[in-house]
Amino acid sequence: MMVYFDSELGINSIQLRSIVLKFPRVVTHALTKMQYLVDYLRFDIGLDSDQLRRCMQQAPQILGLDTDNNLKGKVEFIRSRFELTDDELIKVIYKMPTLLNLNVESNLGPKADFLQECFEGDLIPLKKAIILQPALLGYSLNKRIQPRIEKMMKFGV
């Protein structure tokens, strides 16, 4: 595993230690499954080596996702929901790789619905906001997004 992480992703032993500390189960996952996932991110999505390395360091739990039954659906949801180009999708994933760990039905979908309502269905400013600050989709809908938007509306912002 160390050889793969070093040769394919440029992740050294200190960085790998950090990944294992954040996601200990990574050592139990089949290398072929992780290679398939990394190849999907690299060749299908278009992340370069530096972007992949950052994603693995920021959100190593991605390595535990099932590529075909989980990850691809999340990526497709983000791409299609906000009508992102390939470069825009890469930018969103690079800035906020933890989005790939969120559930579409119970997390990303409701946030996207709420934000789209806030933008009165206008996808263009919503898309710009997501590209600029993809962390919007990472915040708690009930504890952070809704209360803040309600306060903004109350004050006419």
N, C-alpha and C. Protein backbone atom coordinates (compact mmCIF):
# COMPACT_ATOMS: atom_id res chain seq x y z
N MET A 1 0.83 -1.19 0.00
CA MET A 1 0.00 0.00 0.00
C MET A 1 0.87 1.26 0.00
N MET A 2 1.93 1.25 0.80
CA MET A 2 2.81 2.41 0.89
C MET A 2 3.43 2.72 -0.47
N VAL A 3 3.81 1.69 -1.19
CA VAL A 3 4.42 1.89 -2.51
C VAL A 3 3.43 2.57 -3.45
N TYR A 4 2.18 2.12 -3.44
CA TYR A 4 1.16 2.72 -4.29
C TYR A 4 0.94 4.19 -3.95
N PHE A 5 0.76 4.49 -2.67
CA PHE A 5 0.51 5.86 -2.26
C PHE A 5 1.70 6.76 -2.61
N ASP A 6 2.89 6.23 -2.45
CA ASP A 6 4.09 7.02 -2.75
C ASP A 6 4.26 7.21 -4.25
N SER A 7 4.19 6.12 -5.01
CA SER A 7 4.48 6.21 -6.44
C SER A 7 3.34 6.84 -7.24
N GLU A 8 2.10 6.55 -6.91
CA GLU A 8 0.96 7.04 -7.69
C GLU A 8 0.46 8.41 -7.24
N LEU A 9 0.51 8.67 -5.95
CA LEU A 9 -0.06 9.91 -5.43
C LEU A 9 0.98 10.86 -4.85
N GLY A 10 2.20 10.38 -4.72
CA GLY A 10 3.23 11.23 -4.14
C GLY A 10 3.03 11.48 -2.66
N ILE A 11 2.37 10.54 -2.00
CA ILE A 11 2.11 10.67 -0.56
C ILE A 11 3.23 9.97 0.18
N ASN A 12 3.98 10.73 0.97
CA ASN A 12 5.10 10.16 1.70
C ASN A 12 4.63 9.48 2.99
N SER A 13 5.52 8.88 3.71
CA SER A 13 5.16 8.10 4.89
C SER A 13 4.53 8.97 5.98
N ILE A 14 4.96 10.20 6.12
CA ILE A 14 4.38 11.09 7.14
C ILE A 14 2.94 11.45 6.75
N GLN A 15 2.72 11.75 5.48
CA GLN A 15 1.37 12.06 5.01
C GLN A 15 0.46 10.83 5.12
N LEU A 16 0.99 9.66 4.79
CA LEU A 16 0.21 8.43 4.91
C LEU A 16 -0.17 8.17 6.36
N ARG A 17 0.74 8.44 7.26
CA ARG A 17 0.45 8.29 8.70
C ARG A 17 -0.74 9.17 9.08
N SER A 18 -0.75 10.40 8.60
CA SER A 18 -1.85 11.32 8.87
C SER A 18 -3.17 10.77 8.31
N ILE A 19 -3.12 10.22 7.10
CA ILE A 19 -4.32 9.63 6.49
C ILE A 19 -4.83 8.47 7.32
N VAL A 20 -3.93 7.61 7.76
CA VAL A 20 -4.32 6.44 8.57
C VAL A 20 -4.90 6.90 9.91
N LEU A 21 -4.34 7.93 10.50
CA LEU A 21 -4.87 8.43 11.77
C LEU A 21 -6.28 9.00 11.61
N LYS A 22 -6.55 9.63 10.47
CA LYS A 22 -7.88 10.18 10.20
C LYS A 22 -8.87 9.11 9.79
N PHE A 23 -8.38 8.07 9.14
CA PHE A 23 -9.24 7.01 8.62
C PHE A 23 -8.54 5.67 8.76
N PRO A 24 -8.51 5.13 9.99
CA PRO A 24 -7.77 3.89 10.25
C PRO A 24 -8.19 2.70 9.38
N ARG A 25 -9.46 2.66 8.99
CA ARG A 25 -9.94 1.53 8.19
C ARG A 25 -9.30 1.46 6.81
N VAL A 26 -8.59 2.52 6.42
CA VAL A 26 -7.96 2.50 5.11
C VAL A 26 -7.02 1.31 4.96
N VAL A 27 -6.43 0.87 6.04
CA VAL A 27 -5.50 -0.26 5.96
C VAL A 27 -6.21 -1.59 5.73
N THR A 28 -7.53 -1.62 5.92
CA THR A 28 -8.28 -2.86 5.70
C THR A 28 -8.91 -2.93 4.31
N HIS A 29 -8.86 -1.85 3.56
CA HIS A 29 -9.48 -1.82 2.24
C HIS A 29 -8.57 -2.44 1.19
N ALA A 30 -9.18 -3.08 0.26
CA ALA A 30 -8.43 -3.71 -0.83
C ALA A 30 -7.77 -2.64 -1.69
N LEU A 31 -6.52 -2.85 -1.97
CA LEU A 31 -5.76 -1.89 -2.78
C LEU A 31 -6.39 -1.72 -4.16
N THR A 32 -6.92 -2.79 -4.74
CA THR A 32 -7.52 -2.69 -6.08
C THR A 32 -8.73 -1.76 -6.08
N LYS A 33 -9.52 -1.79 -4.99
CA LYS A 33 -10.68 -0.90 -4.89
C LYS A 33 -10.23 0.56 -4.78
N MET A 34 -9.17 0.79 -4.01
CA MET A 34 -8.66 2.16 -3.87
C MET A 34 -8.06 2.64 -5.19
N GLN A 35 -7.37 1.75 -5.90
CA GLN A 35 -6.80 2.12 -7.19
C GLN A 35 -7.90 2.48 -8.18
N TYR A 36 -8.98 1.73 -8.17
CA TYR A 36 -10.12 1.99 -9.06
C TYR A 36 -10.72 3.36 -8.74
N LEU A 37 -10.87 3.65 -7.47
CA LEU A 37 -11.42 4.93 -7.04
C LEU A 37 -10.49 6.08 -7.45
N VAL A 38 -9.21 5.93 -7.20
CA VAL A 38 -8.23 6.97 -7.57
C VAL A 38 -8.21 7.15 -9.09
N ASP A 39 -8.27 6.06 -9.83
CA ASP A 39 -8.30 6.16 -11.29
C ASP A 39 -9.55 6.90 -11.77
N TYR A 40 -10.68 6.66 -11.12
CA TYR A 40 -11.91 7.39 -11.46
C TYR A 40 -11.73 8.89 -11.22
N LEU A 41 -11.19 9.24 -10.07
CA LEU A 41 -10.98 10.66 -9.76
C LEU A 41 -9.97 11.29 -10.71
N ARG A 42 -8.96 10.53 -11.05
CA ARG A 42 -7.90 11.07 -11.91
C ARG A 42 -8.33 11.14 -13.37
N PHE A 43 -8.83 10.04 -13.91
CA PHE A 43 -9.06 9.96 -15.35
C PHE A 43 -10.47 10.34 -15.77
N ASP A 44 -11.48 10.02 -14.96
CA ASP A 44 -12.84 10.37 -15.34
C ASP A 44 -13.20 11.80 -14.92
N ILE A 45 -12.80 12.18 -13.71
CA ILE A 45 -13.10 13.52 -13.22
C ILE A 45 -12.03 14.50 -13.71
N GLY A 46 -10.78 14.09 -13.67
CA GLY A 46 -9.71 14.95 -14.18
C GLY A 46 -8.84 15.61 -13.12
N LEU A 47 -8.89 15.09 -11.89
CA LEU A 47 -8.02 15.64 -10.85
C LEU A 47 -6.57 15.31 -11.17
N ASP A 48 -5.67 16.28 -10.98
CA ASP A 48 -4.26 15.98 -11.19
C ASP A 48 -3.67 15.41 -9.89
N SER A 49 -2.40 15.06 -9.91
CA SER A 49 -1.77 14.40 -8.76
C SER A 49 -1.81 15.27 -7.50
N ASP A 50 -1.55 16.56 -7.65
CA ASP A 50 -1.58 17.45 -6.48
C ASP A 50 -2.99 17.55 -5.91
N GLN A 51 -3.98 17.64 -6.77
CA GLN A 51 -5.37 17.73 -6.32
C GLN A 51 -5.80 16.44 -5.64
N LEU A 52 -5.40 15.30 -6.21
CA LEU A 52 -5.71 14.01 -5.59
C LEU A 52 -5.08 13.89 -4.22
N ARG A 53 -3.83 14.28 -4.13
CA ARG A 53 -3.11 14.19 -2.86
C ARG A 53 -3.82 15.04 -1.80
N ARG A 54 -4.20 16.24 -2.17
CA ARG A 54 -4.90 17.11 -1.22
C ARG A 54 -6.24 16.50 -0.80
N CYS A 55 -6.97 15.96 -1.74
CA CYS A 55 -8.26 15.32 -1.43
C CYS A 55 -8.07 14.16 -0.45
N MET A 56 -7.06 13.34 -0.70
CA MET A 56 -6.81 12.19 0.18
C MET A 56 -6.39 12.64 1.58
N GLN A 57 -5.66 13.74 1.66
CA GLN A 57 -5.22 14.24 2.96
C GLN A 57 -6.36 14.93 3.70
N GLN A 58 -7.21 15.64 2.98
CA GLN A 58 -8.31 16.37 3.61
C GLN A 58 -9.49 15.46 3.96
N ALA A 59 -9.76 14.49 3.11
CA ALA A 59 -10.93 13.63 3.29
C ALA A 59 -10.58 12.18 2.95
N PRO A 60 -9.72 11.54 3.76
CA PRO A 60 -9.30 10.18 3.43
C PRO A 60 -10.45 9.17 3.44
N GLN A 61 -11.57 9.51 4.05
CA GLN A 61 -12.72 8.60 4.06
C GLN A 61 -13.23 8.32 2.66
N ILE A 62 -12.89 9.19 1.72
CA ILE A 62 -13.26 8.97 0.32
C ILE A 62 -12.75 7.62 -0.15
N LEU A 63 -11.58 7.23 0.35
CA LEU A 63 -10.97 5.96 -0.06
C LEU A 63 -11.83 4.75 0.32
N GLY A 64 -12.75 4.93 1.25
CA GLY A 64 -13.61 3.84 1.67
C GLY A 64 -14.92 3.77 0.89
N LEU A 65 -15.16 4.73 0.01
CA LEU A 65 -16.41 4.74 -0.75
C LEU A 65 -16.39 3.71 -1.87
N ASP A 66 -17.55 3.17 -2.17
CA ASP A 66 -17.71 2.29 -3.31
C ASP A 66 -17.83 3.18 -4.55
N THR A 67 -16.90 3.05 -5.45
CA THR A 67 -16.84 3.96 -6.61
C THR A 67 -18.11 3.91 -7.44
N ASP A 68 -18.54 2.71 -7.84
CA ASP A 68 -19.68 2.59 -8.74
C ASP A 68 -21.02 2.83 -8.06
N ASN A 69 -21.18 2.37 -6.83
CA ASN A 69 -22.47 2.45 -6.15
C ASN A 69 -22.63 3.65 -5.24
N ASN A 70 -21.60 4.48 -5.11
CA ASN A 70 -21.68 5.58 -4.17
C ASN A 70 -21.05 6.85 -4.74
N LEU A 71 -19.76 6.80 -4.98
CA LEU A 71 -19.02 7.99 -5.38
C LEU A 71 -19.51 8.59 -6.69
N LYS A 72 -19.69 7.76 -7.70
CA LYS A 72 -20.12 8.27 -9.00
C LYS A 72 -21.47 8.99 -8.92
N GLY A 73 -22.36 8.48 -8.11
CA GLY A 73 -23.67 9.12 -7.94
C GLY A 73 -23.56 10.49 -7.29
N LYS A 74 -22.68 10.60 -6.30
CA LYS A 74 -22.48 11.89 -5.63
C LYS A 74 -21.87 12.91 -6.58
N VAL A 75 -20.87 12.47 -7.32
CA VAL A 75 -20.22 13.37 -8.28
C VAL A 75 -21.22 13.81 -9.34
N GLU A 76 -22.01 12.87 -9.85
CA GLU A 76 -22.99 13.21 -10.87
C GLU A 76 -24.06 14.15 -10.32
N PHE A 77 -24.47 13.95 -9.06
CA PHE A 77 -25.44 14.85 -8.45
C PHE A 77 -24.89 16.27 -8.41
N ILE A 78 -23.67 16.43 -7.93
CA ILE A 78 -23.07 17.76 -7.82
C ILE A 78 -22.91 18.39 -9.21
N ARG A 79 -22.43 17.60 -10.16
CA ARG A 79 -22.23 18.11 -11.52
C ARG A 79 -23.56 18.55 -12.15
N SER A 80 -24.55 17.69 -12.09
CA SER A 80 -25.81 17.98 -12.79
C SER A 80 -26.67 19.00 -12.05
N ARG A 81 -26.71 18.93 -10.73
CA ARG A 81 -27.57 19.83 -9.96
C ARG A 81 -27.18 21.29 -10.13
N PHE A 82 -25.88 21.53 -10.26
CA PHE A 82 -25.40 22.90 -10.39
C PHE A 82 -24.88 23.20 -11.80
N GLU A 83 -25.10 22.24 -12.72
CA GLU A 83 -24.71 22.37 -14.12
C GLU A 83 -23.25 22.82 -14.24
N LEU A 84 -22.38 22.06 -13.58
CA LEU A 84 -20.96 22.39 -13.56
C LEU A 84 -20.23 21.82 -14.77
N THR A 85 -19.30 22.59 -15.28
CA THR A 85 -18.40 22.08 -16.32
C THR A 85 -17.39 21.17 -15.63
N ASP A 86 -16.58 20.48 -16.41
CA ASP A 86 -15.55 19.61 -15.83
C ASP A 86 -14.59 20.41 -14.94
N ASP A 87 -14.15 21.56 -15.42
CA ASP A 87 -13.22 22.38 -14.63
C ASP A 87 -13.87 22.91 -13.35
N GLU A 88 -15.13 23.28 -13.43
CA GLU A 88 -15.84 23.76 -12.24
C GLU A 88 -16.03 22.64 -11.23
N LEU A 89 -16.33 21.44 -11.71
CA LEU A 89 -16.47 20.29 -10.82
C LEU A 89 -15.16 20.00 -10.11
N ILE A 90 -14.07 20.04 -10.84
CA ILE A 90 -12.75 19.82 -10.24
C ILE A 90 -12.50 20.85 -9.15
N LYS A 91 -12.82 22.09 -9.43
CA LYS A 91 -12.61 23.18 -8.47
C LYS A 91 -13.42 22.93 -7.19
N VAL A 92 -14.67 22.53 -7.33
CA VAL A 92 -15.52 22.27 -6.17
C VAL A 92 -14.97 21.10 -5.35
N ILE A 93 -14.63 20.01 -6.01
CA ILE A 93 -14.10 18.84 -5.30
C ILE A 93 -12.77 19.17 -4.63
N TYR A 94 -11.93 19.90 -5.33
CA TYR A 94 -10.62 20.26 -4.77
C TYR A 94 -10.77 21.15 -3.53
N LYS A 95 -11.67 22.11 -3.60
CA LYS A 95 -11.86 23.03 -2.48
C LYS A 95 -12.53 22.36 -1.28
N MET A 96 -13.41 21.40 -1.55
CA MET A 96 -14.20 20.79 -0.47
C MET A 96 -14.39 19.29 -0.73
N PRO A 97 -13.31 18.51 -0.63
CA PRO A 97 -13.42 17.08 -0.93
C PRO A 97 -14.34 16.32 0.02
N THR A 98 -14.59 16.86 1.20
CA THR A 98 -15.48 16.17 2.15
C THR A 98 -16.91 16.11 1.64
N LEU A 99 -17.26 16.91 0.63
CA LEU A 99 -18.60 16.81 0.05
C LEU A 99 -18.88 15.41 -0.47
N LEU A 100 -17.83 14.73 -0.90
CA LEU A 100 -18.00 13.38 -1.46
C LEU A 100 -18.36 12.36 -0.39
N ASN A 101 -18.23 12.74 0.87
CA ASN A 101 -18.61 11.84 1.95
C ASN A 101 -20.05 12.04 2.39
N LEU A 102 -20.72 13.08 1.90
CA LEU A 102 -22.08 13.38 2.32
C LEU A 102 -23.11 12.59 1.52
N ASN A 103 -24.21 12.26 2.17
CA ASN A 103 -25.29 11.52 1.54
C ASN A 103 -26.13 12.46 0.68
N VAL A 104 -26.43 12.04 -0.53
CA VAL A 104 -27.19 12.88 -1.45
C VAL A 104 -28.62 13.08 -0.95
N GLU A 105 -29.31 12.00 -0.59
CA GLU A 105 -30.72 12.09 -0.24
C GLU A 105 -30.97 12.86 1.06
N SER A 106 -30.16 12.63 2.06
CA SER A 106 -30.44 13.24 3.36
C SER A 106 -29.63 14.49 3.64
N ASN A 107 -28.65 14.80 2.79
CA ASN A 107 -27.77 15.92 3.11
C ASN A 107 -27.62 16.88 1.92
N LEU A 108 -26.96 16.47 0.88
CA LEU A 108 -26.70 17.36 -0.25
C LEU A 108 -27.98 17.82 -0.95
N GLY A 109 -28.90 16.89 -1.17
CA GLY A 109 -30.15 17.22 -1.86
C GLY A 109 -30.96 18.28 -1.15
N PRO A 110 -31.27 18.08 0.15
CA PRO A 110 -32.04 19.10 0.86
C PRO A 110 -31.33 20.47 0.91
N LYS A 111 -30.02 20.48 1.05
CA LYS A 111 -29.29 21.75 1.05
C LYS A 111 -29.40 22.42 -0.32
N ALA A 112 -29.23 21.65 -1.38
CA ALA A 112 -29.33 22.20 -2.73
C ALA A 112 -30.73 22.75 -2.98
N ASP A 113 -31.75 22.01 -2.53
CA ASP A 113 -33.13 22.49 -2.68
C ASP A 113 -33.34 23.82 -1.95
N PHE A 114 -32.89 23.87 -0.71
CA PHE A 114 -33.07 25.08 0.09
C PHE A 114 -32.33 26.26 -0.53
N LEU A 115 -31.10 26.05 -0.92
CA LEU A 115 -30.31 27.14 -1.51
C LEU A 115 -30.91 27.60 -2.83
N GLN A 116 -31.44 26.67 -3.59
CA GLN A 116 -32.07 27.05 -4.86
C GLN A 116 -33.32 27.90 -4.61
N GLU A 117 -34.07 27.57 -3.56
CA GLU A 117 -35.22 28.39 -3.17
C GLU A 117 -34.78 29.79 -2.77
N CYS A 118 -33.67 29.86 -2.03
CA CYS A 118 -33.15 31.16 -1.59
C CYS A 118 -32.73 32.02 -2.77
N PHE A 119 -32.27 31.38 -3.83
CA PHE A 119 -31.88 32.11 -5.04
C PHE A 119 -33.05 32.19 -6.02
N GLU A 120 -34.24 31.93 -5.51
CA GLU A 120 -35.49 32.01 -6.28
C GLU A 120 -35.42 31.22 -7.58
N GLY A 121 -34.76 30.06 -7.50
CA GLY A 121 -34.68 29.16 -8.65
C GLY A 121 -33.66 29.57 -9.70
N ASP A 122 -32.98 30.68 -9.49
CA ASP A 122 -31.98 31.16 -10.46
C ASP A 122 -30.68 30.39 -10.25
N LEU A 123 -30.36 29.51 -11.18
CA LEU A 123 -29.21 28.63 -11.04
C LEU A 123 -27.87 29.35 -11.20
N ILE A 124 -27.85 30.42 -11.97
CA ILE A 124 -26.57 31.09 -12.26
C ILE A 124 -25.90 31.63 -11.00
N PRO A 125 -26.59 32.43 -10.17
CA PRO A 125 -25.90 32.90 -8.95
C PRO A 125 -25.64 31.78 -7.95
N LEU A 126 -26.51 30.78 -7.92
CA LEU A 126 -26.29 29.64 -7.03
C LEU A 126 -25.04 28.89 -7.45
N LYS A 127 -24.91 28.65 -8.74
CA LYS A 127 -23.73 27.97 -9.28
C LYS A 127 -22.47 28.75 -8.93
N LYS A 128 -22.50 30.05 -9.11
CA LYS A 128 -21.34 30.89 -8.78
C LYS A 128 -20.99 30.78 -7.30
N ALA A 129 -22.03 30.77 -6.46
CA ALA A 129 -21.81 30.67 -5.01
C ALA A 129 -21.18 29.33 -4.64
N ILE A 130 -21.64 28.25 -5.26
CA ILE A 130 -21.12 26.92 -4.97
C ILE A 130 -19.67 26.80 -5.44
N ILE A 131 -19.36 27.35 -6.60
CA ILE A 131 -18.00 27.30 -7.11
C ILE A 131 -17.07 28.13 -6.23
N LEU A 132 -17.53 29.30 -5.83
CA LEU A 132 -16.72 30.18 -5.00
C LEU A 132 -16.55 29.63 -3.58
N GLN A 133 -17.64 29.07 -3.04
CA GLN A 133 -17.63 28.61 -1.64
C GLN A 133 -18.36 27.27 -1.52
N PRO A 134 -17.72 26.18 -1.99
CA PRO A 134 -18.40 24.88 -1.91
C PRO A 134 -18.69 24.44 -0.48
N ALA A 135 -18.05 25.07 0.49
CA ALA A 135 -18.31 24.74 1.89
C ALA A 135 -19.76 25.00 2.26
N LEU A 136 -20.47 25.82 1.47
CA LEU A 136 -21.90 26.05 1.71
C LEU A 136 -22.65 24.73 1.81
N LEU A 137 -22.25 23.77 0.99
CA LEU A 137 -22.91 22.47 0.98
C LEU A 137 -22.46 21.58 2.14
N GLY A 138 -21.43 22.00 2.84
CA GLY A 138 -20.93 21.23 3.97
C GLY A 138 -21.51 21.67 5.30
N TYR A 139 -22.06 22.89 5.33
CA TYR A 139 -22.63 23.41 6.58
C TYR A 139 -23.94 22.70 6.91
N SER A 140 -24.28 22.69 8.19
CA SER A 140 -25.55 22.12 8.64
C SER A 140 -26.70 22.98 8.13
N LEU A 141 -27.66 22.35 7.49
CA LEU A 141 -28.82 23.07 6.98
C LEU A 141 -29.63 23.69 8.11
N ASN A 142 -29.94 22.89 9.13
CA ASN A 142 -30.81 23.36 10.22
C ASN A 142 -30.11 24.25 11.23
N LYS A 143 -28.82 24.01 11.46
CA LYS A 143 -28.12 24.75 12.50
C LYS A 143 -27.36 25.97 11.98
N ARG A 144 -27.07 26.00 10.68
CA ARG A 144 -26.26 27.11 10.18
C ARG A 144 -26.86 27.84 8.98
N ILE A 145 -27.19 27.09 7.94
CA ILE A 145 -27.64 27.74 6.70
C ILE A 145 -28.99 28.44 6.89
N GLN A 146 -30.00 27.68 7.30
CA GLN A 146 -31.35 28.26 7.45
C GLN A 146 -31.38 29.43 8.44
N PRO A 147 -30.83 29.28 9.65
CA PRO A 147 -30.89 30.41 10.59
C PRO A 147 -30.21 31.67 10.05
N ARG A 148 -29.12 31.52 9.39
CA ARG A 148 -28.40 32.70 8.88
C ARG A 148 -29.14 33.35 7.73
N ILE A 149 -29.69 32.54 6.86
CA ILE A 149 -30.44 33.11 5.72
C ILE A 149 -31.70 33.78 6.23
N GLU A 150 -32.36 33.18 7.23
CA GLU A 150 -33.55 33.81 7.81
C GLU A 150 -33.22 35.16 8.42
N LYS A 151 -32.08 35.26 9.11
CA LYS A 151 -31.66 36.54 9.68
C LYS A 151 -31.36 37.55 8.58
N MET A 152 -30.70 37.09 7.52
CA MET A 152 -30.40 37.99 6.41
C MET A 152 -31.69 38.53 5.78
N MET A 153 -32.66 37.65 5.60
CA MET A 153 -33.93 38.06 5.01
C MET A 153 -34.68 39.03 5.93
N LYS A 154 -34.60 38.76 7.22
CA LYS A 154 -35.25 39.62 8.20
C LYS A 154 -34.71 41.04 8.13
N PHE A 155 -33.42 41.15 7.87
CA PHE A 155 -32.77 42.46 7.81
C PHE A 155 -32.68 42.99 6.38
N GLY A 156 -33.29 42.29 5.44
CA GLY A 156 -33.35 42.76 4.07
C GLY A 156 -32.05 42.67 3.28
N VAL A 157 -31.19 41.77 3.71
CA VAL A 157 -29.90 41.61 3.01
C VAL A 157 -30.06 40.68 1.84
